[in-house]
Amino acid sequence: TTYIGKGIAIPHGENAVKECVKESGIVVLQYPDGVQFGDDKAYLIIGIAGRGNDHLAILANLATTMDEYSDEQLHELYTTKDPDVLYKVFTKVD
């Protein structure tokens, strides 16, 4: 599982297909009611495509950013209906 805690999972591609990635980027999926992710429940699933070794920097930035959020702030990210709230958080990371 790529569940990292705090209701967040970060699935990403495998090394075997890394050369197929044309541009680095992320996609953020929000599940206000949560979805099972291994033995845990994820509310945000952040998919990563990293060109070359970009995925390492993206993973590090995401982990650092999400670690700085309180439980209340994370709950807002899990449940907001305003896409701009999520966009502002993740454009700083991307």
PDB file of N, CA and C in Angstrom:
ATOM      1  N   THR A   1       0.832  -1.189   0.000  1.00  0.00           N
ATOM      2  CA  THR A   1       0.000   0.000   0.000  1.00  0.00           C
ATOM      3  C   THR A   1       0.870   1.243   0.000  1.00  0.00           C
ATOM      4  N   THR A   2       0.340   2.292  -0.548  1.00  0.00           N
ATOM      5  CA  THR A   2       1.052   3.573  -0.548  1.00  0.00           C
ATOM      6  C   THR A   2       0.325   4.562   0.353  1.00  0.00           C
ATOM      7  N   TYR A   3      -0.350   4.039   1.359  1.00  0.00           N
ATOM      8  CA  TYR A   3      -0.991   4.876   2.363  1.00  0.00           C
ATOM      9  C   TYR A   3       0.119   5.466   3.237  1.00  0.00           C
ATOM     10  N   ILE A   4       0.116   6.814   3.401  1.00  0.00           N
ATOM     11  CA  ILE A   4       1.193   7.449   4.169  1.00  0.00           C
ATOM     12  C   ILE A   4       0.735   7.943   5.528  1.00  0.00           C
ATOM     13  N   GLY A   5      -0.541   7.748   5.846  1.00  0.00           N
ATOM     14  CA  GLY A   5      -1.063   8.207   7.123  1.00  0.00           C
ATOM     15  C   GLY A   5      -1.894   9.460   6.974  1.00  0.00           C
ATOM     16  N   LYS A   6      -2.561   9.839   8.073  1.00  0.00           N
ATOM     17  CA  LYS A   6      -3.391  11.044   8.119  1.00  0.00           C
ATOM     18  C   LYS A   6      -4.494  11.059   7.058  1.00  0.00           C
ATOM     19  N   GLY A   7      -4.928   9.873   6.606  1.00  0.00           N
ATOM     20  CA  GLY A   7      -6.005   9.802   5.623  1.00  0.00           C
ATOM     21  C   GLY A   7      -5.562  10.065   4.192  1.00  0.00           C
ATOM     22  N   ILE A   8      -4.262   9.893   3.920  1.00  0.00           N
ATOM     23  CA  ILE A   8      -3.713  10.216   2.602  1.00  0.00           C
ATOM     24  C   ILE A   8      -2.974   9.014   2.030  1.00  0.00           C
ATOM     25  N   ALA A   9      -3.222   8.753   0.753  1.00  0.00           N
ATOM     26  CA  ALA A   9      -2.496   7.717   0.022  1.00  0.00           C
ATOM     27  C   ALA A   9      -1.878   8.356  -1.218  1.00  0.00           C
ATOM     28  N   ILE A  10      -0.697   7.876  -1.569  1.00  0.00           N
ATOM     29  CA  ILE A  10       0.018   8.452  -2.714  1.00  0.00           C
ATOM     30  C   ILE A  10       0.474   7.326  -3.651  1.00  0.00           C
ATOM     31  N   PRO A  11      -0.451   6.777  -4.451  1.00  0.00           N
ATOM     32  CA  PRO A  11      -0.020   5.773  -5.426  1.00  0.00           C
ATOM     33  C   PRO A  11       0.791   6.446  -6.536  1.00  0.00           C
ATOM     34  N   HIS A  12       1.738   5.716  -7.072  1.00  0.00           N
ATOM     35  CA  HIS A  12       2.565   6.262  -8.144  1.00  0.00           C
ATOM     36  C   HIS A  12       3.034   5.128  -9.036  1.00  0.00           C
ATOM     37  N   GLY A  13       3.488   5.494 -10.218  1.00  0.00           N
ATOM     38  CA  GLY A  13       3.891   4.506 -11.217  1.00  0.00           C
ATOM     39  C   GLY A  13       5.117   3.717 -10.804  1.00  0.00           C
ATOM     40  N   GLU A  14       5.361   2.663 -11.536  1.00  0.00           N
ATOM     41  CA  GLU A  14       6.502   1.796 -11.268  1.00  0.00           C
ATOM     42  C   GLU A  14       7.676   2.195 -12.154  1.00  0.00           C
ATOM     43  N   ASN A  15       8.867   1.844 -11.712  1.00  0.00           N
ATOM     44  CA  ASN A  15      10.076   2.191 -12.450  1.00  0.00           C
ATOM     45  C   ASN A  15      10.070   1.662 -13.880  1.00  0.00           C
ATOM     46  N   ALA A  16       9.427   0.535 -14.120  1.00  0.00           N
ATOM     47  CA  ALA A  16       9.424  -0.082 -15.445  1.00  0.00           C
ATOM     48  C   ALA A  16       8.778   0.804 -16.507  1.00  0.00           C
ATOM     49  N   VAL A  17       7.893   1.709 -16.103  1.00  0.00           N
ATOM     50  CA  VAL A  17       7.207   2.569 -17.075  1.00  0.00           C
ATOM     51  C   VAL A  17       7.628   4.036 -16.950  1.00  0.00           C
ATOM     52  N   LYS A  18       8.649   4.288 -16.170  1.00  0.00           N
ATOM     53  CA  LYS A  18       9.094   5.660 -15.924  1.00  0.00           C
ATOM     54  C   LYS A  18       9.427   6.413 -17.214  1.00  0.00           C
ATOM     55  N   GLU A  19      10.020   5.726 -18.176  1.00  0.00           N
ATOM     56  CA  GLU A  19      10.407   6.398 -19.422  1.00  0.00           C
ATOM     57  C   GLU A  19       9.200   6.804 -20.269  1.00  0.00           C
ATOM     58  N   CYS A  20       8.016   6.306 -19.943  1.00  0.00           N
ATOM     59  CA  CYS A  20       6.800   6.672 -20.676  1.00  0.00           C
ATOM     60  C   CYS A  20       6.199   7.986 -20.196  1.00  0.00           C
ATOM     61  N   VAL A  21       6.633   8.477 -19.050  1.00  0.00           N
ATOM     62  CA  VAL A  21       6.087   9.720 -18.500  1.00  0.00           C
ATOM     63  C   VAL A  21       6.678  10.895 -19.272  1.00  0.00           C
ATOM     64  N   LYS A  22       5.811  11.668 -19.924  1.00  0.00           N
ATOM     65  CA  LYS A  22       6.263  12.790 -20.740  1.00  0.00           C
ATOM     66  C   LYS A  22       6.399  14.072 -19.941  1.00  0.00           C
ATOM     67  N   GLU A  23       5.601  14.187 -18.874  1.00  0.00           N
ATOM     68  CA  GLU A  23       5.628  15.388 -18.053  1.00  0.00           C
ATOM     69  C   GLU A  23       5.227  15.011 -16.627  1.00  0.00           C
ATOM     70  N   SER A  24       5.899  15.604 -15.668  1.00  0.00           N
ATOM     71  CA  SER A  24       5.574  15.330 -14.268  1.00  0.00           C
ATOM     72  C   SER A  24       4.270  16.014 -13.886  1.00  0.00           C
ATOM     73  N   GLY A  25       3.531  15.370 -13.004  1.00  0.00           N
ATOM     74  CA  GLY A  25       2.294  15.973 -12.529  1.00  0.00           C
ATOM     75  C   GLY A  25       1.641  15.131 -11.453  1.00  0.00           C
ATOM     76  N   ILE A  26       0.585  15.678 -10.893  1.00  0.00           N
ATOM     77  CA  ILE A  26      -0.185  14.962  -9.880  1.00  0.00           C
ATOM     78  C   ILE A  26      -1.667  15.094 -10.202  1.00  0.00           C
ATOM     79  N   VAL A  27      -2.438  14.186  -9.637  1.00  0.00           N
ATOM     80  CA  VAL A  27      -3.893  14.274  -9.669  1.00  0.00           C
ATOM     81  C   VAL A  27      -4.362  14.037  -8.239  1.00  0.00           C
ATOM     82  N   VAL A  28      -5.326  14.828  -7.799  1.00  0.00           N
ATOM     83  CA  VAL A  28      -5.833  14.717  -6.434  1.00  0.00           C
ATOM     84  C   VAL A  28      -7.278  14.249  -6.484  1.00  0.00           C
ATOM     85  N   LEU A  29      -7.531  13.128  -5.816  1.00  0.00           N
ATOM     86  CA  LEU A  29      -8.881  12.586  -5.720  1.00  0.00           C
ATOM     87  C   LEU A  29      -9.343  12.725  -4.280  1.00  0.00           C
ATOM     88  N   GLN A  30     -10.528  13.275  -4.119  1.00  0.00           N
ATOM     89  CA  GLN A  30     -11.073  13.523  -2.788  1.00  0.00           C
ATOM     90  C   GLN A  30     -12.240  12.572  -2.542  1.00  0.00           C
ATOM     91  N   TYR A  31     -12.192  11.875  -1.411  1.00  0.00           N
ATOM     92  CA  TYR A  31     -13.251  10.960  -0.994  1.00  0.00           C
ATOM     93  C   TYR A  31     -13.703  11.367   0.407  1.00  0.00           C
ATOM     94  N   PRO A  32     -14.690  12.262   0.514  1.00  0.00           N
ATOM     95  CA  PRO A  32     -15.114  12.757   1.832  1.00  0.00           C
ATOM     96  C   PRO A  32     -15.521  11.662   2.811  1.00  0.00           C
ATOM     97  N   ASP A  33     -16.064  10.551   2.315  1.00  0.00           N
ATOM     98  CA  ASP A  33     -16.450   9.443   3.191  1.00  0.00           C
ATOM     99  C   ASP A  33     -15.323   8.431   3.353  1.00  0.00           C
ATOM    100  N   GLY A  34     -14.236   8.609   2.635  1.00  0.00           N
ATOM    101  CA  GLY A  34     -13.088   7.721   2.711  1.00  0.00           C
ATOM    102  C   GLY A  34     -13.280   6.457   1.900  1.00  0.00           C
ATOM    103  N   VAL A  35     -12.172   5.862   1.509  1.00  0.00           N
ATOM    104  CA  VAL A  35     -12.152   4.564   0.830  1.00  0.00           C
ATOM    105  C   VAL A  35     -11.074   3.717   1.498  1.00  0.00           C
ATOM    106  N   GLN A  36     -11.319   2.423   1.555  1.00  0.00           N
ATOM    107  CA  GLN A  36     -10.327   1.531   2.150  1.00  0.00           C
ATOM    108  C   GLN A  36      -9.060   1.557   1.318  1.00  0.00           C
ATOM    109  N   PHE A  37      -7.959   1.690   1.981  1.00  0.00           N
ATOM    110  CA  PHE A  37      -6.654   1.675   1.331  1.00  0.00           C
ATOM    111  C   PHE A  37      -5.756   0.817   2.202  1.00  0.00           C
ATOM    112  N   GLY A  38      -5.671  -0.457   1.852  1.00  0.00           N
ATOM    113  CA  GLY A  38      -4.995  -1.402   2.735  1.00  0.00           C
ATOM    114  C   GLY A  38      -5.826  -1.557   3.994  1.00  0.00           C
ATOM    115  N   ASP A  39      -5.204  -1.439   5.157  1.00  0.00           N
ATOM    116  CA  ASP A  39      -5.907  -1.551   6.430  1.00  0.00           C
ATOM    117  C   ASP A  39      -6.438  -0.214   6.928  1.00  0.00           C
ATOM    118  N   ASP A  40      -6.232   0.840   6.153  1.00  0.00           N
ATOM    119  CA  ASP A  40      -6.603   2.191   6.569  1.00  0.00           C
ATOM    120  C   ASP A  40      -7.655   2.776   5.651  1.00  0.00           C
ATOM    121  N   LYS A  41      -8.105   3.962   5.995  1.00  0.00           N
ATOM    122  CA  LYS A  41      -9.083   4.674   5.190  1.00  0.00           C
ATOM    123  C   LYS A  41      -8.425   5.946   4.661  1.00  0.00           C
ATOM    124  N   ALA A  42      -8.512   6.153   3.348  1.00  0.00           N
ATOM    125  CA  ALA A  42      -7.936   7.343   2.718  1.00  0.00           C
ATOM    126  C   ALA A  42      -9.054   8.283   2.286  1.00  0.00           C
ATOM    127  N   TYR A  43      -8.828   9.563   2.508  1.00  0.00           N
ATOM    128  CA  TYR A  43      -9.777  10.606   2.117  1.00  0.00           C
ATOM    129  C   TYR A  43      -9.234  11.414   0.944  1.00  0.00           C
ATOM    130  N   LEU A  44      -7.918  11.474   0.841  1.00  0.00           N
ATOM    131  CA  LEU A  44      -7.258  12.091  -0.312  1.00  0.00           C
ATOM    132  C   LEU A  44      -6.330  11.052  -0.915  1.00  0.00           C
ATOM    133  N   ILE A  45      -6.462  10.858  -2.217  1.00  0.00           N
ATOM    134  CA  ILE A  45      -5.547   9.990  -2.948  1.00  0.00           C
ATOM    135  C   ILE A  45      -4.860  10.873  -3.977  1.00  0.00           C
ATOM    136  N   ILE A  46      -3.555  10.916  -3.881  1.00  0.00           N
ATOM    137  CA  ILE A  46      -2.775  11.796  -4.744  1.00  0.00           C
ATOM    138  C   ILE A  46      -1.937  10.919  -5.663  1.00  0.00           C
ATOM    139  N   GLY A  47      -2.338  10.885  -6.938  1.00  0.00           N
ATOM    140  CA  GLY A  47      -1.603  10.096  -7.926  1.00  0.00           C
ATOM    141  C   GLY A  47      -0.429  10.902  -8.455  1.00  0.00           C
ATOM    142  N   ILE A  48       0.686  10.245  -8.632  1.00  0.00           N
ATOM    143  CA  ILE A  48       1.913  10.910  -9.077  1.00  0.00           C
ATOM    144  C   ILE A  48       2.412  10.298 -10.377  1.00  0.00           C
ATOM    145  N   ALA A  49       2.829  11.174 -11.293  1.00  0.00           N
ATOM    146  CA  ALA A  49       3.596  10.771 -12.467  1.00  0.00           C
ATOM    147  C   ALA A  49       4.836  11.652 -12.458  1.00  0.00           C
ATOM    148  N   GLY A  50       5.986  11.046 -12.320  1.00  0.00           N
ATOM    149  CA  GLY A  50       7.221  11.824 -12.259  1.00  0.00           C
ATOM    150  C   GLY A  50       8.151  11.477 -13.398  1.00  0.00           C
ATOM    151  N   ARG A  51       8.552  12.485 -14.134  1.00  0.00           N
ATOM    152  CA  ARG A  51       9.503  12.282 -15.227  1.00  0.00           C
ATOM    153  C   ARG A  51      10.905  12.133 -14.628  1.00  0.00           C
ATOM    154  N   GLY A  52      11.647  11.157 -15.116  1.00  0.00           N
ATOM    155  CA  GLY A  52      12.987  10.929 -14.577  1.00  0.00           C
ATOM    156  C   GLY A  52      12.904  10.632 -13.092  1.00  0.00           C
ATOM    157  N   ASN A  53      13.628  11.397 -12.296  1.00  0.00           N
ATOM    158  CA  ASN A  53      13.596  11.229 -10.844  1.00  0.00           C
ATOM    159  C   ASN A  53      12.730  12.271 -10.147  1.00  0.00           C
ATOM    160  N   ASP A  54      11.894  12.995 -10.902  1.00  0.00           N
ATOM    161  CA  ASP A  54      11.023  14.020 -10.317  1.00  0.00           C
ATOM    162  C   ASP A  54      10.111  13.464  -9.240  1.00  0.00           C
ATOM    163  N   HIS A  55       9.739  12.188  -9.354  1.00  0.00           N
ATOM    164  CA  HIS A  55       8.795  11.618  -8.383  1.00  0.00           C
ATOM    165  C   HIS A  55       9.341  11.684  -6.959  1.00  0.00           C
ATOM    166  N   LEU A  56      10.648  11.596  -6.814  1.00  0.00           N
ATOM    167  CA  LEU A  56      11.230  11.659  -5.474  1.00  0.00           C
ATOM    168  C   LEU A  56      11.008  13.032  -4.843  1.00  0.00           C
ATOM    169  N   ALA A  57      11.218  14.086  -5.615  1.00  0.00           N
ATOM    170  CA  ALA A  57      10.994  15.443  -5.115  1.00  0.00           C
ATOM    171  C   ALA A  57       9.508  15.679  -4.857  1.00  0.00           C
ATOM    172  N   ILE A  58       8.652  15.177  -5.738  1.00  0.00           N
ATOM    173  CA  ILE A  58       7.204  15.337  -5.555  1.00  0.00           C
ATOM    174  C   ILE A  58       6.761  14.635  -4.277  1.00  0.00           C
ATOM    175  N   LEU A  59       7.208  13.396  -4.082  1.00  0.00           N
ATOM    176  CA  LEU A  59       6.859  12.651  -2.868  1.00  0.00           C
ATOM    177  C   LEU A  59       7.327  13.381  -1.614  1.00  0.00           C
ATOM    178  N   ALA A  60       8.543  13.867  -1.637  1.00  0.00           N
ATOM    179  CA  ALA A  60       9.083  14.577  -0.472  1.00  0.00           C
ATOM    180  C   ALA A  60       8.291  15.845  -0.191  1.00  0.00           C
ATOM    181  N   ASN A  61       7.962  16.604  -1.239  1.00  0.00           N
ATOM    182  CA  ASN A  61       7.184  17.835  -1.053  1.00  0.00           C
ATOM    183  C   ASN A  61       5.790  17.547  -0.522  1.00  0.00           C
ATOM    184  N   LEU A  62       5.154  16.519  -1.061  1.00  0.00           N
ATOM    185  CA  LEU A  62       3.815  16.162  -0.589  1.00  0.00           C
ATOM    186  C   LEU A  62       3.842  15.733   0.875  1.00  0.00           C
ATOM    187  N   ALA A  63       4.784  14.882   1.228  1.00  0.00           N
ATOM    188  CA  ALA A  63       4.868  14.404   2.606  1.00  0.00           C
ATOM    189  C   ALA A  63       5.125  15.565   3.565  1.00  0.00           C
ATOM    190  N   THR A  64       6.021  16.453   3.211  1.00  0.00           N
ATOM    191  CA  THR A  64       6.326  17.610   4.061  1.00  0.00           C
ATOM    192  C   THR A  64       5.118  18.518   4.198  1.00  0.00           C
ATOM    193  N   THR A  65       4.468  18.810   3.084  1.00  0.00           N
ATOM    194  CA  THR A  65       3.304  19.703   3.101  1.00  0.00           C
ATOM    195  C   THR A  65       2.173  19.112   3.929  1.00  0.00           C
ATOM    196  N   MET A  66       1.848  17.847   3.718  1.00  0.00           N
ATOM    197  CA  MET A  66       0.741  17.229   4.441  1.00  0.00           C
ATOM    198  C   MET A  66       1.051  17.097   5.926  1.00  0.00           C
ATOM    199  N   ASP A  67       2.307  16.937   6.274  1.00  0.00           N
ATOM    200  CA  ASP A  67       2.699  16.825   7.677  1.00  0.00           C
ATOM    201  C   ASP A  67       2.490  18.138   8.431  1.00  0.00           C
ATOM    202  N   GLU A  68       2.506  19.247   7.712  1.00  0.00           N
ATOM    203  CA  GLU A  68       2.347  20.565   8.325  1.00  0.00           C
ATOM    204  C   GLU A  68       0.890  20.898   8.637  1.00  0.00           C
ATOM    205  N   TYR A  69      -0.044  20.106   8.123  1.00  0.00           N
ATOM    206  CA  TYR A  69      -1.466  20.393   8.310  1.00  0.00           C
ATOM    207  C   TYR A  69      -1.991  19.735   9.580  1.00  0.00           C
ATOM    208  N   SER A  70      -2.795  20.491  10.314  1.00  0.00           N
ATOM    209  CA  SER A  70      -3.453  19.948  11.505  1.00  0.00           C
ATOM    210  C   SER A  70      -4.587  19.025  11.066  1.00  0.00           C
ATOM    211  N   ASP A  71      -5.111  18.259  12.005  1.00  0.00           N
ATOM    212  CA  ASP A  71      -6.239  17.381  11.705  1.00  0.00           C
ATOM    213  C   ASP A  71      -7.435  18.177  11.194  1.00  0.00           C
ATOM    214  N   GLU A  72      -7.668  19.355  11.754  1.00  0.00           N
ATOM    215  CA  GLU A  72      -8.790  20.197  11.320  1.00  0.00           C
ATOM    216  C   GLU A  72      -8.580  20.681   9.890  1.00  0.00           C
ATOM    217  N   GLN A  73      -7.359  21.086   9.565  1.00  0.00           N
ATOM    218  CA  GLN A  73      -7.067  21.542   8.208  1.00  0.00           C
ATOM    219  C   GLN A  73      -7.192  20.393   7.209  1.00  0.00           C
ATOM    220  N   LEU A  74      -6.734  19.221   7.600  1.00  0.00           N
ATOM    221  CA  LEU A  74      -6.862  18.066   6.725  1.00  0.00           C
ATOM    222  C   LEU A  74      -8.327  17.716   6.502  1.00  0.00           C
ATOM    223  N   HIS A  75      -9.131  17.786   7.556  1.00  0.00           N
ATOM    224  CA  HIS A  75     -10.561  17.500   7.414  1.00  0.00           C
ATOM    225  C   HIS A  75     -11.191  18.455   6.397  1.00  0.00           C
ATOM    226  N   GLU A  76     -10.759  19.713   6.409  1.00  0.00           N
ATOM    227  CA  GLU A  76     -11.279  20.667   5.415  1.00  0.00           C
ATOM    228  C   GLU A  76     -10.899  20.213   4.005  1.00  0.00           C
ATOM    229  N   LEU A  77      -9.667  19.750   3.820  1.00  0.00           N
ATOM    230  CA  LEU A  77      -9.258  19.261   2.504  1.00  0.00           C
ATOM    231  C   LEU A  77     -10.057  18.035   2.091  1.00  0.00           C
ATOM    232  N   TYR A  78     -10.388  17.178   3.054  1.00  0.00           N
ATOM    233  CA  TYR A  78     -11.152  15.972   2.759  1.00  0.00           C
ATOM    234  C   TYR A  78     -12.585  16.273   2.336  1.00  0.00           C
ATOM    235  N   THR A  79     -13.134  17.373   2.830  1.00  0.00           N
ATOM    236  CA  THR A  79     -14.577  17.603   2.669  1.00  0.00           C
ATOM    237  C   THR A  79     -14.942  18.852   1.866  1.00  0.00           C
ATOM    238  N   THR A  80     -13.999  19.707   1.547  1.00  0.00           N
ATOM    239  CA  THR A  80     -14.350  20.940   0.849  1.00  0.00           C
ATOM    240  C   THR A  80     -15.018  20.652  -0.494  1.00  0.00           C
ATOM    241  N   LYS A  81     -15.944  21.506  -0.855  1.00  0.00           N
ATOM    242  CA  LYS A  81     -16.586  21.417  -2.160  1.00  0.00           C
ATOM    243  C   LYS A  81     -16.012  22.479  -3.100  1.00  0.00           C
ATOM    244  N   ASP A  82     -15.041  23.235  -2.586  1.00  0.00           N
ATOM    245  CA  ASP A  82     -14.407  24.298  -3.355  1.00  0.00           C
ATOM    246  C   ASP A  82     -13.086  23.780  -3.931  1.00  0.00           C
ATOM    247  N   PRO A  83     -13.022  23.541  -5.238  1.00  0.00           N
ATOM    248  CA  PRO A  83     -11.787  23.010  -5.817  1.00  0.00           C
ATOM    249  C   PRO A  83     -10.594  23.956  -5.650  1.00  0.00           C
ATOM    250  N   ASP A  84     -10.854  25.244  -5.488  1.00  0.00           N
ATOM    251  CA  ASP A  84      -9.759  26.193  -5.308  1.00  0.00           C
ATOM    252  C   ASP A  84      -8.991  25.952  -4.007  1.00  0.00           C
ATOM    253  N   VAL A  85      -9.673  25.438  -2.981  1.00  0.00           N
ATOM    254  CA  VAL A  85      -8.995  25.133  -1.713  1.00  0.00           C
ATOM    255  C   VAL A  85      -7.917  24.083  -1.952  1.00  0.00           C
ATOM    256  N   LEU A  86      -8.287  23.024  -2.663  1.00  0.00           N
ATOM    257  CA  LEU A  86      -7.315  21.974  -2.978  1.00  0.00           C
ATOM    258  C   LEU A  86      -6.257  22.480  -3.950  1.00  0.00           C
ATOM    259  N   TYR A  87      -6.680  23.228  -4.935  1.00  0.00           N
ATOM    260  CA  TYR A  87      -5.746  23.729  -5.945  1.00  0.00           C
ATOM    261  C   TYR A  87      -4.642  24.575  -5.308  1.00  0.00           C
ATOM    262  N   LYS A  88      -5.013  25.438  -4.385  1.00  0.00           N
ATOM    263  CA  LYS A  88      -4.025  26.305  -3.736  1.00  0.00           C
ATOM    264  C   LYS A  88      -3.004  25.500  -2.942  1.00  0.00           C
ATOM    265  N   VAL A  89      -3.453  24.448  -2.298  1.00  0.00           N
ATOM    266  CA  VAL A  89      -2.532  23.605  -1.516  1.00  0.00           C
ATOM    267  C   VAL A  89      -1.558  22.884  -2.443  1.00  0.00           C
ATOM    268  N   PHE A  90      -2.082  22.286  -3.492  1.00  0.00           N
ATOM    269  CA  PHE A  90      -1.254  21.401  -4.306  1.00  0.00           C
ATOM    270  C   PHE A  90      -0.500  22.099  -5.436  1.00  0.00           C
ATOM    271  N   THR A  91      -0.830  23.328  -5.759  1.00  0.00           N
ATOM    272  CA  THR A  91      -0.011  24.043  -6.726  1.00  0.00           C
ATOM    273  C   THR A  91       1.278  24.519  -6.092  1.00  0.00           C
ATOM    274  N   LYS A  92       1.306  24.625  -4.763  1.00  0.00           N
ATOM    275  CA  LYS A  92       2.539  24.943  -4.065  1.00  0.00           C
ATOM    276  C   LYS A  92       3.497  23.757  -4.096  1.00  0.00           C
ATOM    277  N   VAL A  93       2.921  22.542  -4.140  1.00  0.00           N
ATOM    278  CA  VAL A  93       3.713  21.311  -4.108  1.00  0.00           C
ATOM    279  C   VAL A  93       4.187  20.939  -5.492  1.00  0.00           C
ATOM    280  N   ASP A  94       3.302  21.033  -6.456  1.00  0.00           N
ATOM    281  CA  ASP A  94       3.555  20.574  -7.817  1.00  0.00           C
ATOM    282  C   ASP A  94       4.589  21.427  -8.422  1.00  0.00           C
TER     283      ASP A  94
END
